Amino acid sequence: DNYKLRNYKVVIIHGIGTGIVRKA
């Protein structure tokens, strides 16, 4: 979606927790 909108820098907030979501 952001590629199509020409947003070439984005942030993904995955949290810290156990790291499972960050690894995914």
PDB file of all heavy atoms in Angstrom:
ATOM      1  N   ASP A   1       0.830  -1.210   0.000  1.00  0.00           N
ATOM      2  CA  ASP A   1       0.000   0.000   0.000  1.00  0.00           C
ATOM      3  C   ASP A   1       0.865   1.261   0.000  1.00  0.00           C
ATOM      4  O   ASP A   1       0.592   2.209  -0.741  1.00  0.00           O
ATOM      5  CB  ASP A   1      -0.929   0.024   1.212  1.00  0.00           C
ATOM      6  CG  ASP A   1      -2.051  -1.007   1.130  1.00  0.00           C
ATOM      7  OD1 ASP A   1      -2.257  -1.584   0.039  1.00  0.00           O
ATOM      8  OD2 ASP A   1      -2.694  -1.248   2.172  1.00  0.00           O
ATOM      9  N   ASN A   2       1.898   1.277   0.821  1.00  0.00           N
ATOM     10  CA  ASN A   2       2.743   2.462   0.899  1.00  0.00           C
ATOM     11  C   ASN A   2       3.624   2.627  -0.333  1.00  0.00           C
ATOM     12  O   ASN A   2       3.941   3.753  -0.714  1.00  0.00           O
ATOM     13  CB  ASN A   2       3.568   2.455   2.187  1.00  0.00           C
ATOM     14  CG  ASN A   2       2.734   2.941   3.340  1.00  0.00           C
ATOM     15  OD1 ASN A   2       2.505   4.130   3.482  1.00  0.00           O
ATOM     16  ND2 ASN A   2       2.239   2.007   4.136  1.00  0.00           N
ATOM     17  N   TYR A   3       3.991   1.538  -0.967  1.00  0.00           N
ATOM     18  CA  TYR A   3       4.703   1.631  -2.242  1.00  0.00           C
ATOM     19  C   TYR A   3       3.805   2.324  -3.274  1.00  0.00           C
ATOM     20  O   TYR A   3       4.243   3.233  -3.978  1.00  0.00           O
ATOM     21  CB  TYR A   3       5.121   0.251  -2.732  1.00  0.00           C
ATOM     22  CG  TYR A   3       5.684   0.278  -4.122  1.00  0.00           C
ATOM     23  CD1 TYR A   3       6.986   0.719  -4.343  1.00  0.00           C
ATOM     24  CD2 TYR A   3       4.913  -0.095  -5.215  1.00  0.00           C
ATOM     25  CE1 TYR A   3       7.504   0.782  -5.631  1.00  0.00           C
ATOM     26  CE2 TYR A   3       5.421  -0.043  -6.496  1.00  0.00           C
ATOM     27  CZ  TYR A   3       6.717   0.397  -6.699  1.00  0.00           C
ATOM     28  OH  TYR A   3       7.212   0.471  -7.972  1.00  0.00           O
ATOM     29  N   LYS A   4       2.560   1.903  -3.333  1.00  0.00           N
ATOM     30  CA  LYS A   4       1.613   2.495  -4.287  1.00  0.00           C
ATOM     31  C   LYS A   4       1.356   3.969  -3.987  1.00  0.00           C
ATOM     32  O   LYS A   4       1.145   4.769  -4.886  1.00  0.00           O
ATOM     33  CB  LYS A   4       0.292   1.727  -4.271  1.00  0.00           C
ATOM     34  CG  LYS A   4       0.395   0.347  -4.880  1.00  0.00           C
ATOM     35  CD  LYS A   4      -0.928  -0.383  -4.776  1.00  0.00           C
ATOM     36  CE  LYS A   4      -0.852  -1.767  -5.365  1.00  0.00           C
ATOM     37  NZ  LYS A   4      -2.123  -2.506  -5.196  1.00  0.00           N
ATOM     38  N   LEU A   5       1.373   4.320  -2.701  1.00  0.00           N
ATOM     39  CA  LEU A   5       1.160   5.705  -2.287  1.00  0.00           C
ATOM     40  C   LEU A   5       2.441   6.546  -2.364  1.00  0.00           C
ATOM     41  O   LEU A   5       2.416   7.729  -2.054  1.00  0.00           O
ATOM     42  CB  LEU A   5       0.610   5.744  -0.858  1.00  0.00           C
ATOM     43  CG  LEU A   5      -0.808   5.209  -0.681  1.00  0.00           C
ATOM     44  CD1 LEU A   5      -1.137   5.058   0.800  1.00  0.00           C
ATOM     45  CD2 LEU A   5      -1.799   6.120  -1.366  1.00  0.00           C
ATOM     46  N   ARG A   6       3.545   5.909  -2.722  1.00  0.00           N
ATOM     47  CA  ARG A   6       4.862   6.559  -2.828  1.00  0.00           C
ATOM     48  C   ARG A   6       5.374   7.088  -1.492  1.00  0.00           C
ATOM     49  O   ARG A   6       6.011   8.126  -1.420  1.00  0.00           O
ATOM     50  CB  ARG A   6       4.835   7.655  -3.884  1.00  0.00           C
ATOM     51  CG  ARG A   6       4.556   7.095  -5.250  1.00  0.00           C
ATOM     52  CD  ARG A   6       4.602   8.123  -6.302  1.00  0.00           C
ATOM     53  NE  ARG A   6       4.354   7.461  -7.590  1.00  0.00           N
ATOM     54  CZ  ARG A   6       4.268   8.080  -8.719  1.00  0.00           C
ATOM     55  NH1 ARG A   6       4.416   9.388  -8.769  1.00  0.00           N
ATOM     56  NH2 ARG A   6       4.046   7.426  -9.831  1.00  0.00           N
ATOM     57  N   ASN A   7       5.062   6.349  -0.437  1.00  0.00           N
ATOM     58  CA  ASN A   7       5.654   6.605   0.882  1.00  0.00           C
ATOM     59  C   ASN A   7       6.853   5.674   0.995  1.00  0.00           C
ATOM     60  O   ASN A   7       6.672   4.466   1.135  1.00  0.00           O
ATOM     61  CB  ASN A   7       4.660   6.300   2.003  1.00  0.00           C
ATOM     62  CG  ASN A   7       3.464   7.205   1.976  1.00  0.00           C
ATOM     63  OD1 ASN A   7       3.577   8.379   1.660  1.00  0.00           O
ATOM     64  ND2 ASN A   7       2.302   6.673   2.294  1.00  0.00           N
ATOM     65  N   TYR A   8       8.032   6.209   0.917  1.00  0.00           N
ATOM     66  CA  TYR A   8       9.216   5.361   0.818  1.00  0.00           C
ATOM     67  C   TYR A   8       9.913   5.108   2.158  1.00  0.00           C
ATOM     68  O   TYR A   8      10.942   4.447   2.200  1.00  0.00           O
ATOM     69  CB  TYR A   8      10.189   5.941  -0.203  1.00  0.00           C
ATOM     70  CG  TYR A   8       9.551   6.014  -1.578  1.00  0.00           C
ATOM     71  CD1 TYR A   8       9.404   7.210  -2.245  1.00  0.00           C
ATOM     72  CD2 TYR A   8       9.039   4.864  -2.184  1.00  0.00           C
ATOM     73  CE1 TYR A   8       8.805   7.265  -3.492  1.00  0.00           C
ATOM     74  CE2 TYR A   8       8.429   4.902  -3.417  1.00  0.00           C
ATOM     75  CZ  TYR A   8       8.317   6.105  -4.071  1.00  0.00           C
ATOM     76  OH  TYR A   8       7.707   6.154  -5.300  1.00  0.00           O
ATOM     77  N   LYS A   9       9.334   5.616   3.226  1.00  0.00           N
ATOM     78  CA  LYS A   9       9.839   5.302   4.564  1.00  0.00           C
ATOM     79  C   LYS A   9       8.639   5.155   5.483  1.00  0.00           C
ATOM     80  O   LYS A   9       7.760   6.019   5.506  1.00  0.00           O
ATOM     81  CB  LYS A   9      10.766   6.409   5.063  1.00  0.00           C
ATOM     82  CG  LYS A   9      11.561   6.021   6.286  1.00  0.00           C
ATOM     83  CD  LYS A   9      12.543   7.099   6.663  1.00  0.00           C
ATOM     84  CE  LYS A   9      13.924   6.619   6.320  1.00  0.00           C
ATOM     85  NZ  LYS A   9      14.963   7.493   6.871  1.00  0.00           N
ATOM     86  N   VAL A  10       8.582   4.029   6.205  1.00  0.00           N
ATOM     87  CA  VAL A  10       7.463   3.736   7.096  1.00  0.00           C
ATOM     88  C   VAL A  10       7.975   3.142   8.401  1.00  0.00           C
ATOM     89  O   VAL A  10       9.141   2.739   8.499  1.00  0.00           O
ATOM     90  CB  VAL A  10       6.455   2.761   6.440  1.00  0.00           C
ATOM     91  CG1 VAL A  10       5.820   3.377   5.204  1.00  0.00           C
ATOM     92  CG2 VAL A  10       7.104   1.438   6.107  1.00  0.00           C
ATOM     93  N   VAL A  11       7.096   3.086   9.387  1.00  0.00           N
ATOM     94  CA  VAL A  11       7.423   2.529  10.699  1.00  0.00           C
ATOM     95  C   VAL A  11       6.490   1.364  10.987  1.00  0.00           C
ATOM     96  O   VAL A  11       5.277   1.465  10.781  1.00  0.00           O
ATOM     97  CB  VAL A  11       7.266   3.590  11.807  1.00  0.00           C
ATOM     98  CG1 VAL A  11       7.541   2.995  13.174  1.00  0.00           C
ATOM     99  CG2 VAL A  11       8.170   4.777  11.566  1.00  0.00           C
ATOM    100  N   ILE A  12       7.069   0.277  11.456  1.00  0.00           N
ATOM    101  CA  ILE A  12       6.271  -0.863  11.910  1.00  0.00           C
ATOM    102  C   ILE A  12       6.507  -1.005  13.408  1.00  0.00           C
ATOM    103  O   ILE A  12       7.651  -1.174  13.857  1.00  0.00           O
ATOM    104  CB  ILE A  12       6.651  -2.155  11.173  1.00  0.00           C
ATOM    105  CG1 ILE A  12       6.361  -1.983   9.670  1.00  0.00           C
ATOM    106  CG2 ILE A  12       5.890  -3.339  11.750  1.00  0.00           C
ATOM    107  CD1 ILE A  12       6.809  -3.139   8.821  1.00  0.00           C
ATOM    108  N   ILE A  13       5.431  -0.926  14.166  1.00  0.00           N
ATOM    109  CA  ILE A  13       5.503  -1.032  15.625  1.00  0.00           C
ATOM    110  C   ILE A  13       5.141  -2.464  15.999  1.00  0.00           C
ATOM    111  O   ILE A  13       3.993  -2.885  15.839  1.00  0.00           O
ATOM    112  CB  ILE A  13       4.530  -0.037  16.294  1.00  0.00           C
ATOM    113  CG1 ILE A  13       4.819   1.377  15.806  1.00  0.00           C
ATOM    114  CG2 ILE A  13       4.615  -0.137  17.814  1.00  0.00           C
ATOM    115  CD1 ILE A  13       3.708   2.365  16.092  1.00  0.00           C
ATOM    116  N   HIS A  14       6.128  -3.213  16.449  1.00  0.00           N
ATOM    117  CA  HIS A  14       5.903  -4.620  16.795  1.00  0.00           C
ATOM    118  C   HIS A  14       5.980  -4.871  18.285  1.00  0.00           C
ATOM    119  O   HIS A  14       5.617  -5.931  18.752  1.00  0.00           O
ATOM    120  CB  HIS A  14       6.904  -5.526  16.064  1.00  0.00           C
ATOM    121  CG  HIS A  14       8.285  -4.999  16.040  1.00  0.00           C
ATOM    122  ND1 HIS A  14       9.083  -4.936  17.154  1.00  0.00           N
ATOM    123  CD2 HIS A  14       8.998  -4.482  15.027  1.00  0.00           C
ATOM    124  CE1 HIS A  14      10.249  -4.410  16.820  1.00  0.00           C
ATOM    125  NE2 HIS A  14      10.226  -4.120  15.533  1.00  0.00           N
ATOM    126  N   GLY A  15       6.440  -3.908  19.030  1.00  0.00           N
ATOM    127  CA  GLY A  15       6.592  -4.063  20.469  1.00  0.00           C
ATOM    128  C   GLY A  15       7.841  -4.863  20.821  1.00  0.00           C
ATOM    129  O   GLY A  15       8.580  -5.311  19.946  1.00  0.00           O
ATOM    130  N   ILE A  16       8.077  -5.025  22.094  1.00  0.00           N
ATOM    131  CA  ILE A  16       9.282  -5.723  22.558  1.00  0.00           C
ATOM    132  C   ILE A  16       8.921  -7.161  22.938  1.00  0.00           C
ATOM    133  O   ILE A  16       9.331  -8.093  22.280  1.00  0.00           O
ATOM    134  CB  ILE A  16       9.931  -4.976  23.732  1.00  0.00           C
ATOM    135  CG1 ILE A  16      10.331  -3.565  23.268  1.00  0.00           C
ATOM    136  CG2 ILE A  16      11.145  -5.733  24.255  1.00  0.00           C
ATOM    137  CD1 ILE A  16      10.748  -2.645  24.368  1.00  0.00           C
ATOM    138  N   GLY A  17       8.128  -7.341  23.954  1.00  0.00           N
ATOM    139  CA  GLY A  17       7.635  -8.662  24.366  1.00  0.00           C
ATOM    140  C   GLY A  17       8.655  -9.781  24.286  1.00  0.00           C
ATOM    141  O   GLY A  17       9.812  -9.626  24.663  1.00  0.00           O
ATOM    142  N   THR A  18       8.233 -10.915  23.743  1.00  0.00           N
ATOM    143  CA  THR A  18       9.116 -12.080  23.629  1.00  0.00           C
ATOM    144  C   THR A  18       9.920 -12.063  22.332  1.00  0.00           C
ATOM    145  O   THR A  18      10.811 -12.888  22.151  1.00  0.00           O
ATOM    146  CB  THR A  18       8.308 -13.388  23.676  1.00  0.00           C
ATOM    147  OG1 THR A  18       7.382 -13.385  22.588  1.00  0.00           O
ATOM    148  CG2 THR A  18       7.560 -13.525  24.992  1.00  0.00           C
ATOM    149  N   GLY A  19       9.574 -11.160  21.417  1.00  0.00           N
ATOM    150  CA  GLY A  19      10.304 -11.044  20.161  1.00  0.00           C
ATOM    151  C   GLY A  19       9.751 -11.876  19.023  1.00  0.00           C
ATOM    152  O   GLY A  19      10.289 -11.877  17.930  1.00  0.00           O
ATOM    153  N   ILE A  20       8.658 -12.586  19.256  1.00  0.00           N
ATOM    154  CA  ILE A  20       8.088 -13.453  18.221  1.00  0.00           C
ATOM    155  C   ILE A  20       7.564 -12.630  17.048  1.00  0.00           C
ATOM    156  O   ILE A  20       7.840 -12.943  15.889  1.00  0.00           O
ATOM    157  CB  ILE A  20       6.977 -14.342  18.812  1.00  0.00           C
ATOM    158  CG1 ILE A  20       7.580 -15.341  19.797  1.00  0.00           C
ATOM    159  CG2 ILE A  20       6.210 -15.056  17.718  1.00  0.00           C
ATOM    160  CD1 ILE A  20       6.564 -16.109  20.608  1.00  0.00           C
ATOM    161  N   VAL A  21       6.821 -11.570  17.336  1.00  0.00           N
ATOM    162  CA  VAL A  21       6.272 -10.727  16.265  1.00  0.00           C
ATOM    163  C   VAL A  21       7.403 -10.004  15.543  1.00  0.00           C
ATOM    164  O   VAL A  21       7.410  -9.910  14.320  1.00  0.00           O
ATOM    165  CB  VAL A  21       5.216  -9.746  16.818  1.00  0.00           C
ATOM    166  CG1 VAL A  21       4.756  -8.770  15.747  1.00  0.00           C
ATOM    167  CG2 VAL A  21       4.023 -10.516  17.372  1.00  0.00           C
ATOM    168  N   ARG A  22       8.382  -9.499  16.288  1.00  0.00           N
ATOM    169  CA  ARG A  22       9.518  -8.806  15.651  1.00  0.00           C
ATOM    170  C   ARG A  22      10.255  -9.740  14.694  1.00  0.00           C
ATOM    171  O   ARG A  22      10.571  -9.351  13.564  1.00  0.00           O
ATOM    172  CB  ARG A  22      10.501  -8.301  16.704  1.00  0.00           C
ATOM    173  CG  ARG A  22      11.666  -7.525  16.086  1.00  0.00           C
ATOM    174  CD  ARG A  22      12.736  -7.332  17.098  1.00  0.00           C
ATOM    175  NE  ARG A  22      12.830  -8.645  17.680  1.00  0.00           N
ATOM    176  CZ  ARG A  22      13.867  -9.228  18.240  1.00  0.00           C
ATOM    177  NH1 ARG A  22      14.894  -8.664  18.373  1.00  0.00           N
ATOM    178  NH2 ARG A  22      13.876 -10.422  18.716  1.00  0.00           N
ATOM    179  N   LYS A  23      10.474 -10.972  15.092  1.00  0.00           N
ATOM    180  CA  LYS A  23      11.149 -11.929  14.214  1.00  0.00           C
ATOM    181  C   LYS A  23      10.322 -12.210  12.965  1.00  0.00           C
ATOM    182  O   LYS A  23      10.866 -12.290  11.865  1.00  0.00           O
ATOM    183  CB  LYS A  23      11.432 -13.231  14.966  1.00  0.00           C
ATOM    184  CG  LYS A  23      12.520 -13.105  16.002  1.00  0.00           C
ATOM    185  CD  LYS A  23      12.691 -14.387  16.794  1.00  0.00           C
ATOM    186  CE  LYS A  23      13.640 -14.183  17.955  1.00  0.00           C
ATOM    187  NZ  LYS A  23      13.697 -15.346  18.828  1.00  0.00           N
ATOM    188  N   ALA A  24       9.019 -12.340  13.134  1.00  0.00           N
ATOM    189  CA  ALA A  24       8.134 -12.565  11.984  1.00  0.00           C
ATOM    190  C   ALA A  24       8.153 -11.367  11.045  1.00  0.00           C
ATOM    191  O   ALA A  24       8.202 -11.521   9.819  1.00  0.00           O
ATOM    192  CB  ALA A  24       6.711 -12.845  12.467  1.00  0.00           C
TER     193      ALA A  24
END
